[in-house]
Amino acid sequence: MEDLSKLIQNILDVAEPAQIFKSVYKNKKKGVSDRLLSLEKEFQSLSGRLAVDETSLGDAVREKLLDARTALGVLYDWTKAQIISEASSIASVGPDSKGAPKPDTNMSRPASDFQVTTKKGVCYLSGGVSDEIFSSYGGYLIGESGTPIDIITPIDIILKLVNSKEDNPFSKREADALALLRSEPNNEGKQFKHLPVLVDSFLGDGRRGNILSGTQDCFDLLAVKEKYKDGVDPKHMVWMLSRLLSIVGYAHSRKLIHRNIKPSNVLVRPQDHNCLLLGWECSVMDPIKNGLKSYLSDEDFSAPEIAAKTYIPPARECDSQQDLMYLEAACSADIYSIGKCMIYILGGDLKTNEMPDSVPLQIKRFLETFVIDSPLQRSRDAWELYGVLRKIIVSIWGPRKFLEFKMS
């Protein structure tokens, strides 16, 4: 038990991947295959040590164990993406570069409907779902003859390709937002677990695309609602809500506002109680400095002001006190959308915001403050709401306990 507690704490205290995946960083001159193999071995070893029977653990240790599993997975995904990125940079020097790895032409190919080749490797893709901006495909990325990287194991990916080259700015905005959110030197990766990994961006037939990973074993809130047609247990909803408030609070601290939070952009991973937030293509950076522009508006989940005020100039150009106040309250649009998403999975009415009788009154009143129509009256501090939520949870149910969430 002492060894397990020490391992959990070591993983949670990690400030950079090199502290946990030591053999991967010990000799960076090794080839990509060797480094990825070392990473895989260390990850499997650590995962095995964390695979213990949870029923014999106390609530506090169990919660820390789940956090450690999540953190380890995030560090693994980030390290793998970094190795691939570094290898691509080396290989791009030219075919004669001594550092360029040799592809393994004997590697097995995953089944797929079609392939897309980028500088990071070959994407084997299947299916396809389209919305107003993107067509998204699921699949794998691996190295192949003719590409610069020899990847031992396929990486699960989502490829998002804009439907029209006129929409390329959306793809660029998404990539820039993810890069910004992963650039915080003092964050120590604590919020990275709530974000997909941007593996690569590319341009094909004039259209821009992003390749994302880290979303495997996840279900969006549409799937959650389909599974729990009458609404999820409020005890499940509150952990999803806390994760969303956490990542949105972090984004707001970087002066980035999402403005496109809806069920299809919120993913939950049942086994470790994690949530990921996708859909950063409509995000706005520093509205006080750059102004506010609305790109899309969802009738059910977007704050009313997104459709009502499609553009507000930067503060220095505002000639309206109300517009200036709207700029300062811009963060509250994300709060509104989070509230609507939670009402939705609870089985509530999106028009009236009424929620089932099974939802505790304190939770109802709390969520109602999220969906106030006026941004000037709505809360804009996600971190403050996160703190309030934790107190509400304890007041209703006592000390937090792990509750298994099933999607199968």
Protein backbone atom coordinates (compact mmCIF):
# COMPACT_ATOMS: atom_id res chain seq x y z
CA MET A 1 0.00 0.00 0.00
CA GLU A 2 2.88 2.32 0.82
CA ASP A 3 4.50 1.65 -2.57
CA LEU A 4 1.19 2.35 -4.36
CA SER A 5 0.68 5.64 -2.49
CA LYS A 6 4.22 6.70 -3.31
CA LEU A 7 3.78 5.84 -7.00
CA ILE A 8 0.48 7.74 -7.18
CA GLN A 9 2.02 10.80 -5.57
CA ASN A 10 5.06 10.64 -7.85
CA ILE A 11 2.84 10.65 -10.93
CA LEU A 12 0.65 13.47 -9.61
CA ASP A 13 3.74 15.56 -8.76
CA VAL A 14 5.30 15.20 -12.21
CA ALA A 15 6.08 18.58 -13.79
CA GLU A 16 7.30 17.18 -17.13
CA PRO A 17 7.22 13.76 -18.85
CA ALA A 18 10.98 13.27 -18.45
CA GLN A 19 10.43 12.76 -14.72
CA ILE A 20 8.27 9.68 -15.25
CA PHE A 21 9.38 8.25 -18.63
CA LYS A 22 13.07 8.40 -17.81
CA SER A 23 14.42 5.93 -20.37
CA VAL A 24 12.70 7.81 -23.21
CA TYR A 25 14.55 11.01 -22.40
CA LYS A 26 17.81 9.44 -21.20
CA ASN A 27 19.14 9.10 -24.74
CA LYS A 28 17.38 11.32 -27.25
CA LYS A 29 19.77 10.14 -29.99
CA LYS A 30 17.96 6.82 -30.19
CA GLY A 31 15.72 6.26 -33.20
CA VAL A 32 12.02 6.93 -33.12
CA SER A 33 11.17 3.23 -32.93
CA ASP A 34 13.47 2.68 -29.95
CA ARG A 35 12.12 5.70 -28.10
CA LEU A 36 8.50 4.74 -28.73
CA LEU A 37 9.23 1.17 -27.64
CA SER A 38 10.81 2.46 -24.42
CA LEU A 39 7.80 4.70 -23.87
CA GLU A 40 5.38 1.83 -24.41
CA LYS A 41 7.26 -0.45 -21.99
CA GLU A 42 7.41 2.17 -19.25
CA PHE A 43 3.77 3.13 -19.73
CA GLN A 44 2.61 -0.51 -19.57
CA SER A 45 4.74 -1.12 -16.47
CA LEU A 46 3.34 1.89 -14.64
CA SER A 47 -0.22 1.16 -15.77
CA GLY A 48 0.14 -2.38 -14.45
CA ARG A 49 1.23 -1.10 -11.05
CA LEU A 50 -1.83 1.16 -10.96
CA ALA A 51 -4.19 -1.69 -11.93
CA VAL A 52 -5.19 -2.60 -8.39
CA ASP A 53 -8.50 -3.62 -6.86
CA GLU A 54 -10.22 -0.35 -5.99
CA THR A 55 -12.76 -1.89 -3.62
CA SER A 56 -10.16 -2.32 -0.89
CA LEU A 57 -9.11 1.34 -1.00
CA GLY A 58 -10.46 4.28 0.95
CA ASP A 59 -12.28 7.08 -0.88
CA ALA A 60 -9.35 9.49 -0.74
CA VAL A 61 -6.85 6.95 -2.10
CA ARG A 62 -9.30 5.77 -4.76
CA GLU A 63 -9.80 9.32 -6.02
CA LYS A 64 -6.05 9.90 -6.15
CA LEU A 65 -5.60 6.61 -7.99
CA LEU A 66 -8.08 7.69 -10.68
CA ASP A 67 -6.32 11.05 -11.01
CA ALA A 68 -2.97 9.27 -11.34
CA ARG A 69 -4.30 6.98 -14.09
CA THR A 70 -5.61 10.02 -15.97
CA ALA A 71 -2.36 11.95 -15.50
CA LEU A 72 -0.30 8.98 -16.69
CA GLY A 73 -2.41 8.66 -19.82
CA VAL A 74 -2.04 12.38 -20.55
CA LEU A 75 1.74 12.24 -20.09
CA TYR A 76 1.89 9.18 -22.36
CA ASP A 77 -0.14 10.84 -25.15
CA TRP A 78 1.87 14.05 -24.86
CA THR A 79 5.22 12.23 -24.95
CA LYS A 80 4.26 10.13 -27.96
CA ALA A 81 3.10 13.23 -29.85
CA GLN A 82 6.32 15.04 -28.92
CA ILE A 83 8.53 12.19 -30.17
CA ILE A 84 6.64 12.16 -33.46
CA SER A 85 6.87 15.94 -33.77
CA GLU A 86 10.61 15.94 -33.09
CA ALA A 87 11.19 13.14 -35.58
CA SER A 88 9.26 15.02 -38.24
CA SER A 89 11.43 18.08 -37.70
CA ILE A 90 14.60 15.99 -38.05
CA ALA A 91 13.37 14.21 -41.14
CA SER A 92 12.33 17.44 -42.84
CA VAL A 93 16.00 18.46 -43.08
CA GLY A 94 16.30 16.15 -46.06
CA PRO A 95 16.57 12.53 -47.14
CA ASP A 96 20.27 12.43 -46.35
CA SER A 97 19.87 13.54 -42.75
CA LYS A 98 21.61 11.09 -40.44
CA GLY A 99 18.86 11.56 -37.88
CA ALA A 100 16.06 10.54 -40.21
CA PRO A 101 14.58 7.19 -39.13
CA LYS A 102 13.96 4.42 -41.62
CA PRO A 103 10.34 3.34 -42.02
CA ASP A 104 9.35 -0.22 -41.22
CA THR A 105 7.76 -1.39 -44.44
CA ASN A 106 6.58 -4.63 -42.81
CA MET A 107 4.24 -2.89 -40.39
CA SER A 108 0.67 -4.15 -40.48
CA ARG A 109 -1.96 -1.72 -41.76
CA PRO A 110 -5.19 -1.05 -39.84
CA ALA A 111 -8.41 -1.57 -41.78
CA SER A 112 -9.73 1.66 -43.28
CA ASP A 113 -11.90 3.18 -45.99
CA PHE A 114 -9.26 5.62 -47.24
CA GLN A 115 -5.87 7.13 -46.34
CA VAL A 116 -4.42 10.61 -45.98
CA THR A 117 -0.65 11.16 -45.90
CA THR A 118 0.80 14.08 -43.95
CA LYS A 119 4.32 14.94 -42.78
CA LYS A 120 3.69 12.93 -39.60
CA GLY A 121 2.71 9.68 -41.31
CA VAL A 122 -0.29 7.99 -42.91
CA CYS A 123 -3.81 8.34 -41.51
CA TYR A 124 -6.02 5.29 -42.03
CA LEU A 125 -9.55 6.62 -41.80
CA SER A 126 -13.10 5.35 -41.74
CA GLY A 127 -16.62 6.71 -41.53
CA GLY A 128 -17.26 10.42 -41.46
CA VAL A 129 -19.56 12.89 -39.74
CA SER A 130 -20.13 16.41 -41.06
CA ASP A 131 -21.31 19.63 -39.43
CA GLU A 132 -21.38 23.24 -40.58
CA ILE A 133 -17.60 23.50 -40.81
CA PHE A 134 -15.83 20.13 -40.61
CA SER A 135 -16.04 16.60 -41.82
CA SER A 136 -14.55 14.40 -39.07
CA TYR A 137 -13.13 10.91 -39.50
CA GLY A 138 -11.88 8.37 -36.98
CA GLY A 139 -8.86 6.16 -37.49
CA TYR A 140 -5.15 5.67 -36.85
CA LEU A 141 -1.88 7.33 -37.74
CA ILE A 142 1.24 5.24 -38.37
CA GLY A 143 4.50 5.62 -40.27
CA GLU A 144 4.91 4.11 -43.72
CA SER A 145 7.43 3.92 -46.52
CA GLY A 146 7.64 7.36 -48.07
CA THR A 147 6.92 9.18 -44.81
CA PRO A 148 9.53 10.36 -42.35
CA ILE A 149 8.40 8.53 -39.25
CA ASP A 150 8.48 4.90 -38.21
CA ILE A 151 5.76 4.56 -35.59
CA ILE A 152 5.68 1.22 -33.80
CA THR A 153 2.06 1.32 -32.71
CA PRO A 154 -0.83 3.16 -34.39
CA ILE A 155 -2.08 6.32 -32.72
CA ASP A 156 -5.85 6.68 -32.43
CA ILE A 157 -6.84 9.92 -34.12
CA ILE A 158 -9.69 12.10 -35.28
CA LEU A 159 -9.07 13.96 -38.54
CA LYS A 160 -11.07 17.17 -38.92
CA LEU A 161 -11.09 18.55 -42.46
CA VAL A 162 -12.94 21.77 -43.32
CA ASN A 163 -15.73 21.31 -45.84
CA SER A 164 -14.66 24.36 -47.84
CA LYS A 165 -11.34 26.20 -48.16
CA GLU A 166 -13.19 29.37 -47.17
CA ASP A 167 -13.47 27.76 -43.72
CA ASN A 168 -9.71 27.33 -43.32
CA PRO A 169 -9.58 30.07 -40.64
CA PHE A 170 -11.71 27.85 -38.39
CA SER A 171 -9.15 25.06 -38.56
CA LYS A 172 -6.32 27.51 -37.93
CA ARG A 173 -8.16 28.99 -34.95
CA GLU A 174 -8.64 25.54 -33.43
CA ALA A 175 -4.95 24.69 -33.82
CA ASP A 176 -3.87 28.04 -32.37
CA ALA A 177 -6.19 27.65 -29.38
CA LEU A 178 -4.88 24.17 -28.54
CA ALA A 179 -1.29 25.36 -28.93
CA LEU A 180 -1.95 28.27 -26.58
CA LEU A 181 -3.62 26.09 -23.96
CA ARG A 182 -0.69 23.66 -23.96
CA SER A 183 1.94 26.40 -23.78
CA GLU A 184 1.49 27.42 -20.14
CA PRO A 185 4.90 26.81 -18.49
CA ASN A 186 3.53 26.93 -14.95
CA ASN A 187 0.50 24.73 -15.53
CA GLU A 188 2.49 21.48 -15.19
CA GLY A 189 0.02 19.78 -17.48
CA LYS A 190 -2.76 19.63 -14.90
CA GLN A 191 -5.37 20.77 -17.41
CA PHE A 192 -3.92 18.96 -20.42
CA LYS A 193 -5.96 15.88 -19.56
CA HIS A 194 -9.07 17.84 -20.55
CA LEU A 195 -7.73 18.69 -24.01
CA PRO A 196 -7.10 16.65 -27.17
CA VAL A 197 -3.53 16.43 -28.46
CA LEU A 198 -2.91 18.29 -31.72
CA VAL A 199 -0.77 15.75 -33.59
CA ASP A 200 -0.56 17.57 -36.92
CA SER A 201 -2.13 20.14 -39.24
CA PHE A 202 -2.06 19.88 -43.00
CA LEU A 203 -3.36 21.38 -46.25
CA GLY A 204 -4.98 19.15 -48.84
CA ASP A 205 -6.72 20.27 -52.08
CA GLY A 206 -6.76 23.77 -50.62
CA ARG A 207 -8.56 22.71 -47.45
CA ARG A 208 -6.98 22.74 -44.01
CA GLY A 209 -7.22 19.88 -41.55
CA ASN A 210 -6.23 19.06 -37.98
CA ILE A 211 -5.32 15.65 -36.61
CA LEU A 212 -6.23 15.14 -32.96
CA SER A 213 -5.51 12.28 -30.55
CA GLY A 214 -6.26 11.47 -26.94
CA THR A 215 -10.00 10.96 -27.45
CA GLN A 216 -10.11 7.16 -27.46
CA ASP A 217 -12.55 5.40 -25.13
CA CYS A 218 -14.61 8.59 -24.93
CA PHE A 219 -18.30 9.29 -25.50
CA ASP A 220 -19.82 12.68 -26.30
CA LEU A 221 -22.80 13.98 -24.35
CA LEU A 222 -25.12 13.08 -27.23
CA ALA A 223 -24.18 9.43 -26.68
CA VAL A 224 -24.57 9.85 -22.92
CA LYS A 225 -28.09 11.21 -23.38
CA GLU A 226 -28.91 8.41 -25.82
CA LYS A 227 -27.78 5.85 -23.25
CA TYR A 228 -29.58 7.55 -20.34
CA LYS A 229 -32.73 8.78 -22.06
CA ASP A 230 -34.40 9.88 -18.82
CA GLY A 231 -31.26 11.65 -17.64
CA VAL A 232 -28.07 10.66 -15.83
CA ASP A 233 -27.84 10.38 -12.07
CA PRO A 234 -27.04 13.88 -10.69
CA LYS A 235 -24.05 12.31 -8.92
CA HIS A 236 -22.59 11.56 -12.36
CA MET A 237 -23.50 14.98 -13.71
CA VAL A 238 -21.58 16.84 -11.02
CA TRP A 239 -18.24 15.23 -11.83
CA MET A 240 -18.72 16.07 -15.51
CA LEU A 241 -19.62 19.62 -14.50
CA SER A 242 -16.56 19.97 -12.28
CA ARG A 243 -14.25 18.84 -15.10
CA LEU A 244 -15.82 21.32 -17.51
CA LEU A 245 -15.56 24.21 -15.07
CA SER A 246 -11.93 23.30 -14.49
CA ILE A 247 -10.84 23.39 -18.14
CA VAL A 248 -12.97 26.46 -18.94
CA GLY A 249 -11.57 28.25 -15.91
CA TYR A 250 -8.07 27.50 -17.17
CA ALA A 251 -8.91 28.71 -20.71
CA HIS A 252 -10.38 31.93 -19.34
CA SER A 253 -7.22 32.50 -17.31
CA ARG A 254 -5.39 32.46 -20.66
CA LYS A 255 -7.92 35.02 -21.98
CA LEU A 256 -9.40 32.42 -24.34
CA ILE A 257 -13.18 31.96 -24.61
CA HIS A 258 -14.57 28.81 -26.22
CA ARG A 259 -18.03 30.08 -27.40
CA ASN A 260 -18.98 26.72 -28.93
CA ILE A 261 -19.66 24.40 -25.97
CA LYS A 262 -22.36 21.91 -26.88
CA PRO A 263 -22.96 18.17 -26.30
CA SER A 264 -21.02 17.03 -29.38
CA ASN A 265 -17.94 18.93 -28.19
CA VAL A 266 -17.90 17.50 -24.66
CA LEU A 267 -16.42 14.01 -24.31
CA VAL A 268 -16.50 11.84 -21.19
CA ARG A 269 -14.24 8.89 -20.47
CA PRO A 270 -16.08 6.62 -17.99
CA GLN A 271 -13.17 4.60 -16.60
CA ASP A 272 -11.25 7.57 -15.19
CA HIS A 273 -14.08 10.11 -14.87
CA ASN A 274 -12.32 12.53 -17.23
CA CYS A 275 -13.87 15.05 -19.62
CA LEU A 276 -12.33 16.50 -22.78
CA LEU A 277 -13.44 19.73 -24.42
CA LEU A 278 -13.27 19.87 -28.23
CA GLY A 279 -14.50 22.39 -30.80
CA TRP A 280 -12.14 25.33 -30.28
CA GLU A 281 -12.64 26.58 -33.86
CA CYS A 282 -15.03 29.34 -32.72
CA SER A 283 -12.86 30.51 -29.82
CA VAL A 284 -11.98 34.16 -29.25
CA MET A 285 -8.70 35.35 -27.79
CA ASP A 286 -8.64 38.38 -25.45
CA PRO A 287 -11.93 40.09 -26.43
CA ILE A 288 -11.00 43.30 -24.57
CA LYS A 289 -8.04 43.70 -26.93
CA ASN A 290 -9.37 42.03 -30.08
CA GLY A 291 -13.14 42.43 -29.87
CA LEU A 292 -15.82 39.74 -30.09
CA LYS A 293 -17.03 38.02 -33.24
CA SER A 294 -19.69 35.33 -33.39
CA TYR A 295 -18.99 32.52 -35.84
CA LEU A 296 -21.74 30.01 -35.03
CA SER A 297 -24.76 29.99 -32.77
CA ASP A 298 -26.62 26.93 -31.51
CA GLU A 299 -30.25 27.64 -30.67
CA ASP A 300 -30.27 25.27 -27.69
CA PHE A 301 -26.81 25.68 -26.21
CA SER A 302 -25.31 29.06 -27.20
CA ALA A 303 -25.77 32.11 -24.99
CA PRO A 304 -28.38 34.53 -26.41
CA GLU A 305 -25.84 37.33 -26.89
CA ILE A 306 -23.82 35.25 -29.40
CA ALA A 307 -26.65 35.49 -31.94
CA ALA A 308 -27.83 38.93 -30.84
CA LYS A 309 -24.44 40.68 -30.97
CA THR A 310 -22.46 39.10 -33.79
CA TYR A 311 -19.64 41.65 -33.49
CA ILE A 312 -18.36 43.99 -30.79
CA PRO A 313 -15.23 46.04 -31.48
CA PRO A 314 -12.20 46.06 -29.14
CA ALA A 315 -12.54 48.11 -25.95
CA ARG A 316 -10.42 50.93 -27.35
CA GLU A 317 -12.92 51.35 -30.22
CA CYS A 318 -16.16 50.92 -28.26
CA ASP A 319 -18.45 53.93 -28.32
CA SER A 320 -21.11 52.14 -26.28
CA GLN A 321 -20.87 51.53 -22.55
CA GLN A 322 -23.09 48.47 -22.95
CA ASP A 323 -20.75 46.96 -25.56
CA LEU A 324 -17.82 47.54 -23.24
CA MET A 325 -19.69 45.78 -20.45
CA TYR A 326 -20.47 42.89 -22.82
CA LEU A 327 -16.77 42.53 -23.63
CA GLU A 328 -15.95 42.32 -19.93
CA ALA A 329 -18.67 39.67 -19.47
CA ALA A 330 -17.68 37.61 -22.52
CA CYS A 331 -16.55 34.64 -20.39
CA SER A 332 -20.10 34.15 -19.17
CA ALA A 333 -21.16 32.78 -22.57
CA ASP A 334 -19.21 29.59 -21.80
CA ILE A 335 -20.89 29.35 -18.40
CA TYR A 336 -24.30 29.54 -20.06
CA SER A 337 -23.47 26.72 -22.50
CA ILE A 338 -22.10 24.50 -19.75
CA GLY A 339 -25.32 24.96 -17.80
CA LYS A 340 -27.44 24.03 -20.80
CA CYS A 341 -25.34 20.91 -21.44
CA MET A 342 -25.82 19.77 -17.85
CA ILE A 343 -29.58 20.41 -17.95
CA TYR A 344 -29.65 18.39 -21.18
CA ILE A 345 -27.94 15.28 -19.77
CA LEU A 346 -30.06 15.47 -16.61
CA GLY A 347 -33.13 15.06 -18.82
CA GLY A 348 -34.27 18.65 -18.36
CA ASP A 349 -36.20 20.95 -20.67
CA LEU A 350 -33.83 23.19 -22.65
CA LYS A 351 -36.56 25.74 -23.30
CA THR A 352 -37.75 26.22 -19.73
CA ASN A 353 -34.67 24.93 -17.86
CA GLU A 354 -36.93 22.72 -15.74
CA MET A 355 -35.20 19.61 -14.38
CA PRO A 356 -36.50 16.24 -13.15
CA ASP A 357 -37.60 15.83 -9.54
CA SER A 358 -34.65 13.49 -9.00
CA VAL A 359 -32.28 16.47 -9.21
CA PRO A 360 -31.60 17.95 -5.74
CA LEU A 361 -32.98 21.46 -5.28
CA GLN A 362 -29.51 22.91 -4.58
CA ILE A 363 -28.27 21.56 -7.90
CA LYS A 364 -31.28 22.97 -9.73
CA ARG A 365 -30.82 26.44 -8.24
CA PHE A 366 -27.10 26.31 -8.95
CA LEU A 367 -27.54 25.42 -12.65
CA GLU A 368 -30.25 28.05 -13.04
CA THR A 369 -27.64 30.73 -12.32
CA PHE A 370 -25.65 29.46 -15.31
CA VAL A 371 -28.46 30.02 -17.82
CA ILE A 372 -29.57 33.57 -16.98
CA ASP A 373 -30.25 35.31 -20.30
CA SER A 374 -28.32 38.49 -19.57
CA PRO A 375 -24.51 38.09 -19.67
CA LEU A 376 -24.25 41.03 -17.29
CA GLN A 377 -26.17 39.15 -14.59
CA ARG A 378 -24.67 35.73 -15.25
CA SER A 379 -21.58 34.43 -13.46
CA ARG A 380 -18.34 34.76 -15.43
CA ASP A 381 -15.91 33.09 -13.01
CA ALA A 382 -15.68 29.34 -13.70
CA TRP A 383 -13.17 28.78 -10.89
CA GLU A 384 -15.50 30.37 -8.35
CA LEU A 385 -18.34 28.14 -9.56
CA TYR A 386 -16.03 25.14 -9.29
CA GLY A 387 -15.46 25.93 -5.62
CA VAL A 388 -19.16 26.45 -4.97
CA LEU A 389 -19.96 23.13 -6.66
CA ARG A 390 -17.55 21.19 -4.43
CA LYS A 391 -19.27 22.63 -1.35
CA ILE A 392 -22.71 21.76 -2.72
CA ILE A 393 -21.64 18.17 -3.40
CA VAL A 394 -20.45 17.71 0.19
CA SER A 395 -23.55 19.37 1.63
CA ILE A 396 -25.86 17.02 -0.29
CA TRP A 397 -23.99 13.72 -0.34
CA GLY A 398 -21.17 14.10 2.17
CA PRO A 399 -17.49 13.37 1.35
CA ARG A 400 -16.98 12.57 -2.31
CA LYS A 401 -17.07 8.89 -3.26
CA PHE A 402 -16.22 7.26 -6.55
CA LEU A 403 -19.30 6.10 -8.46
CA GLU A 404 -18.74 3.94 -11.52
CA PHE A 405 -20.22 5.39 -14.70
CA LYS A 406 -21.22 2.80 -17.30
CA MET A 407 -21.67 3.37 -21.03
CA SER A 408 -21.75 -0.27 -22.12
